[in-house]
Structure formats: C-alpha cells, structure tokens
N, C-alpha and C. Protein backbone atom coordinates (compact mmCIF):
# COMPACT_ATOMS: atom_id res chain seq x y z
N UNK A 1 12.30 69.83 -20.66
CA UNK A 1 12.24 68.43 -21.04
C UNK A 1 13.66 67.87 -21.09
N UNK A 2 13.81 66.67 -20.59
CA UNK A 2 15.11 65.99 -20.61
C UNK A 2 15.54 65.71 -22.05
N UNK A 3 16.86 65.67 -22.27
CA UNK A 3 17.38 65.38 -23.60
C UNK A 3 17.01 63.96 -24.03
N UNK A 4 17.07 63.01 -23.07
CA UNK A 4 16.72 61.62 -23.33
C UNK A 4 15.62 61.19 -22.37
N UNK A 5 14.71 60.38 -22.87
CA UNK A 5 13.74 59.70 -22.03
C UNK A 5 14.07 58.21 -22.15
N UNK A 6 14.33 57.57 -21.00
CA UNK A 6 14.74 56.16 -21.02
C UNK A 6 13.78 55.36 -20.17
N UNK A 7 13.37 54.22 -20.70
CA UNK A 7 12.55 53.25 -19.98
C UNK A 7 13.29 51.92 -20.01
N UNK A 8 12.80 50.89 -19.31
CA UNK A 8 13.53 49.62 -19.29
C UNK A 8 13.80 49.00 -20.67
N UNK A 9 13.10 49.40 -21.71
CA UNK A 9 13.42 48.83 -23.03
C UNK A 9 13.33 49.86 -24.15
N UNK A 10 13.21 51.15 -23.82
CA UNK A 10 13.12 52.17 -24.85
C UNK A 10 13.97 53.38 -24.54
N UNK A 11 14.37 54.08 -25.60
CA UNK A 11 15.10 55.34 -25.45
C UNK A 11 14.59 56.30 -26.51
N UNK A 12 14.32 57.53 -26.07
CA UNK A 12 13.90 58.60 -26.98
C UNK A 12 14.89 59.74 -26.86
N UNK A 13 15.26 60.31 -27.98
CA UNK A 13 16.03 61.55 -27.99
C UNK A 13 15.02 62.64 -28.29
N UNK A 14 14.88 63.61 -27.39
CA UNK A 14 13.78 64.56 -27.44
C UNK A 14 14.07 65.87 -28.15
N UNK A 15 15.29 66.04 -28.66
CA UNK A 15 15.58 67.25 -29.44
C UNK A 15 16.08 66.83 -30.81
N UNK A 16 16.19 67.79 -31.72
CA UNK A 16 16.57 67.45 -33.09
C UNK A 16 17.99 66.93 -33.15
N UNK A 17 18.23 65.88 -33.87
CA UNK A 17 17.28 65.03 -34.58
C UNK A 17 16.62 64.04 -33.61
N UNK A 18 15.34 64.16 -33.44
CA UNK A 18 14.61 63.32 -32.49
C UNK A 18 14.45 61.90 -33.02
N UNK A 19 14.50 60.94 -32.09
CA UNK A 19 14.25 59.55 -32.47
C UNK A 19 13.61 58.80 -31.32
N UNK A 20 12.98 57.70 -31.66
CA UNK A 20 12.51 56.72 -30.68
C UNK A 20 13.16 55.40 -31.08
N UNK A 21 13.53 54.60 -30.08
CA UNK A 21 14.20 53.33 -30.37
C UNK A 21 14.03 52.39 -29.19
N UNK A 22 14.38 51.15 -29.42
CA UNK A 22 14.45 50.14 -28.36
C UNK A 22 15.91 49.94 -28.00
N UNK A 23 16.15 49.37 -26.83
CA UNK A 23 17.52 49.04 -26.46
C UNK A 23 17.52 47.74 -25.66
N UNK A 24 18.69 47.13 -25.63
CA UNK A 24 18.88 45.86 -24.94
C UNK A 24 20.32 45.82 -24.46
N UNK A 25 20.56 45.21 -23.31
CA UNK A 25 21.94 45.01 -22.87
C UNK A 25 22.16 43.56 -22.48
N UNK A 26 23.41 43.16 -22.51
CA UNK A 26 23.77 41.79 -22.19
C UNK A 26 24.54 41.16 -23.33
N UNK A 27 24.44 39.86 -23.45
CA UNK A 27 25.11 39.11 -24.51
C UNK A 27 24.31 39.31 -25.79
N UNK A 28 24.89 40.01 -26.75
CA UNK A 28 24.16 40.45 -27.94
C UNK A 28 24.80 39.92 -29.22
N UNK A 29 23.98 39.48 -30.12
CA UNK A 29 24.39 39.23 -31.49
C UNK A 29 23.79 40.35 -32.32
N UNK A 30 24.63 41.23 -32.86
CA UNK A 30 24.08 42.35 -33.63
C UNK A 30 23.21 41.86 -34.78
N UNK A 31 22.10 42.54 -35.02
CA UNK A 31 21.20 42.12 -36.10
C UNK A 31 21.82 42.35 -37.46
N UNK A 32 21.37 41.59 -38.42
CA UNK A 32 21.76 41.79 -39.81
C UNK A 32 20.80 42.82 -40.39
N UNK A 33 21.26 43.59 -41.33
CA UNK A 33 20.37 44.56 -41.96
C UNK A 33 21.04 45.90 -42.08
N UNK A 34 20.22 46.89 -42.33
CA UNK A 34 20.73 48.23 -42.55
C UNK A 34 21.35 48.79 -41.27
N UNK A 35 22.54 49.31 -41.40
CA UNK A 35 23.27 49.88 -40.27
C UNK A 35 22.48 51.01 -39.61
N UNK A 36 21.70 51.75 -40.39
CA UNK A 36 20.98 52.89 -39.87
C UNK A 36 19.89 52.50 -38.87
N UNK A 37 19.51 51.23 -38.86
CA UNK A 37 18.41 50.82 -37.98
C UNK A 37 18.89 50.35 -36.61
N UNK A 38 20.21 50.26 -36.42
CA UNK A 38 20.71 49.84 -35.11
C UNK A 38 22.09 50.43 -34.83
N UNK A 39 22.47 50.41 -33.57
CA UNK A 39 23.79 50.84 -33.15
C UNK A 39 24.25 49.90 -32.06
N UNK A 40 25.45 49.39 -32.18
CA UNK A 40 25.98 48.38 -31.27
C UNK A 40 27.20 48.93 -30.56
N UNK A 41 27.24 48.75 -29.26
CA UNK A 41 28.39 49.17 -28.47
C UNK A 41 28.83 48.01 -27.60
N UNK A 42 30.00 47.48 -27.87
CA UNK A 42 30.51 46.38 -27.08
C UNK A 42 31.53 46.87 -26.07
N UNK A 43 31.36 46.46 -24.82
CA UNK A 43 32.33 46.87 -23.81
C UNK A 43 32.70 45.73 -22.88
N UNK A 44 32.33 44.52 -23.22
CA UNK A 44 32.66 43.38 -22.39
C UNK A 44 31.80 42.20 -22.77
N UNK A 45 32.10 41.04 -22.19
CA UNK A 45 31.38 39.82 -22.55
C UNK A 45 29.87 39.95 -22.41
N UNK A 46 29.40 40.38 -21.26
CA UNK A 46 27.96 40.49 -21.03
C UNK A 46 27.54 41.92 -20.74
N UNK A 47 28.34 42.88 -21.19
CA UNK A 47 28.08 44.27 -20.87
C UNK A 47 28.00 45.11 -22.14
N UNK A 48 27.29 44.61 -23.14
CA UNK A 48 27.14 45.33 -24.39
C UNK A 48 25.76 45.96 -24.45
N UNK A 49 25.65 47.02 -25.21
CA UNK A 49 24.37 47.70 -25.41
C UNK A 49 24.03 47.71 -26.89
N UNK A 50 22.77 47.54 -27.17
CA UNK A 50 22.27 47.59 -28.54
C UNK A 50 21.09 48.55 -28.58
N UNK A 51 21.18 49.55 -29.43
CA UNK A 51 20.05 50.44 -29.71
C UNK A 51 19.54 50.02 -31.08
N UNK A 52 18.26 49.69 -31.16
CA UNK A 52 17.74 49.16 -32.42
C UNK A 52 16.33 49.67 -32.69
N UNK A 53 15.86 49.39 -33.89
CA UNK A 53 14.56 49.90 -34.36
C UNK A 53 14.48 51.41 -34.19
N UNK A 54 15.53 52.08 -34.64
CA UNK A 54 15.60 53.54 -34.55
C UNK A 54 14.63 54.14 -35.57
N UNK A 55 13.72 54.95 -35.08
CA UNK A 55 12.77 55.65 -35.94
C UNK A 55 12.98 57.14 -35.77
N UNK A 56 13.39 57.80 -36.84
CA UNK A 56 13.67 59.23 -36.79
C UNK A 56 12.38 60.01 -36.88
N UNK A 57 12.22 60.98 -36.01
CA UNK A 57 11.05 61.85 -36.00
C UNK A 57 11.29 63.10 -36.84
N UNK A 58 12.55 63.37 -37.13
CA UNK A 58 12.97 64.50 -37.96
C UNK A 58 13.76 63.93 -39.12
N UNK A 59 14.44 64.80 -39.82
CA UNK A 59 15.33 64.37 -40.90
C UNK A 59 16.46 63.53 -40.31
N UNK A 60 16.84 62.46 -41.00
CA UNK A 60 17.94 61.62 -40.51
C UNK A 60 19.23 62.42 -40.48
N UNK A 61 20.05 62.22 -39.46
CA UNK A 61 21.31 62.95 -39.35
C UNK A 61 22.36 62.38 -40.31
N UNK A 62 23.43 63.17 -40.50
CA UNK A 62 24.57 62.67 -41.27
C UNK A 62 25.22 61.53 -40.49
N UNK A 63 26.10 60.79 -41.13
CA UNK A 63 26.77 59.68 -40.45
C UNK A 63 27.56 60.17 -39.24
N UNK A 64 28.22 61.31 -39.38
CA UNK A 64 28.99 61.87 -38.26
C UNK A 64 28.07 62.26 -37.10
N UNK A 65 26.95 62.91 -37.40
CA UNK A 65 25.98 63.27 -36.36
C UNK A 65 25.38 62.01 -35.72
N UNK A 66 25.09 61.01 -36.56
CA UNK A 66 24.54 59.75 -36.07
C UNK A 66 25.48 59.12 -35.05
N UNK A 67 26.77 59.02 -35.42
CA UNK A 67 27.75 58.41 -34.52
C UNK A 67 27.85 59.17 -33.20
N UNK A 68 27.87 60.49 -33.27
CA UNK A 68 27.95 61.30 -32.06
C UNK A 68 26.71 61.13 -31.20
N UNK A 69 25.54 61.13 -31.82
CA UNK A 69 24.28 60.98 -31.09
C UNK A 69 24.19 59.59 -30.45
N UNK A 70 24.64 58.56 -31.15
CA UNK A 70 24.60 57.22 -30.57
C UNK A 70 25.57 57.10 -29.41
N UNK A 71 26.74 57.76 -29.50
CA UNK A 71 27.67 57.77 -28.37
C UNK A 71 27.02 58.44 -27.15
N UNK A 72 26.33 59.56 -27.38
CA UNK A 72 25.61 60.23 -26.28
C UNK A 72 24.52 59.32 -25.72
N UNK A 73 23.85 58.61 -26.60
CA UNK A 73 22.76 57.71 -26.18
C UNK A 73 23.30 56.58 -25.32
N UNK A 74 24.43 56.01 -25.72
CA UNK A 74 25.05 54.93 -24.94
C UNK A 74 25.44 55.44 -23.56
N UNK A 75 26.01 56.65 -23.49
CA UNK A 75 26.37 57.24 -22.20
C UNK A 75 25.13 57.45 -21.34
N UNK A 76 24.06 57.95 -21.93
CA UNK A 76 22.81 58.15 -21.18
C UNK A 76 22.28 56.82 -20.66
N UNK A 77 22.34 55.78 -21.48
CA UNK A 77 21.89 54.45 -21.05
C UNK A 77 22.77 53.91 -19.93
N UNK A 78 24.09 54.05 -20.08
CA UNK A 78 25.02 53.60 -19.02
C UNK A 78 24.68 54.28 -17.69
N UNK A 79 24.45 55.59 -17.74
CA UNK A 79 24.12 56.34 -16.52
C UNK A 79 22.78 55.88 -15.95
N UNK A 80 21.80 55.67 -16.80
CA UNK A 80 20.47 55.22 -16.36
C UNK A 80 20.58 53.86 -15.67
N UNK A 81 21.34 52.95 -16.27
CA UNK A 81 21.52 51.61 -15.69
C UNK A 81 22.25 51.72 -14.35
N UNK A 82 23.33 52.53 -14.30
CA UNK A 82 24.12 52.67 -13.07
C UNK A 82 23.29 53.23 -11.91
N UNK A 83 22.36 54.13 -12.21
CA UNK A 83 21.51 54.71 -11.17
C UNK A 83 20.57 53.68 -10.55
N UNK A 84 20.34 52.59 -11.24
CA UNK A 84 19.38 51.60 -10.78
C UNK A 84 20.03 50.39 -10.12
N UNK A 85 21.35 50.31 -10.16
CA UNK A 85 22.04 49.16 -9.54
C UNK A 85 23.06 49.60 -8.53
C-alpha cells in the first residue's frame, strides 16, 4: 500500500499515525480555528497548499511528528500535482 493516497481534493496517510484530510491549492486564506485541524504551506502568490479537516485514525502525533508528517504530505501533494501538469 502506498504511504499516501491522493485524490483531486483528498489526502490520506496510510500508516501510523494515519489520517484522512481534504486539501486545496491556489490563493488561500487560512481558516481560523484550532491549528491541529489544518496545515498551511505558502510558496507563492497562487501556489499555496492547505491541508484541512484532518481526522486522525490513530492517536494524534506530537507537534514535532505533526510538522514532519505535514511536510511529507505537502511534498507528496506537490509531486502528485506535478505529475498531472
């Protein structure tokens, strides 16, 4: 099984700590609310990624693990997008 499953609007991390989430790219205004429910990566005017509505299937990771996993997720999304354009 792949580490990540990505669809046009969803991303799943398939190993521990597993999660399901939505994602969006483009001109983004980060949502207000709990930081744990979203992750924002800005890399340009219209080239930002937002992972949001994160639902953990296992125990929630530490902040350090969360940051590392979200960085991996952003890289996986960047690669997925690049393969399609």
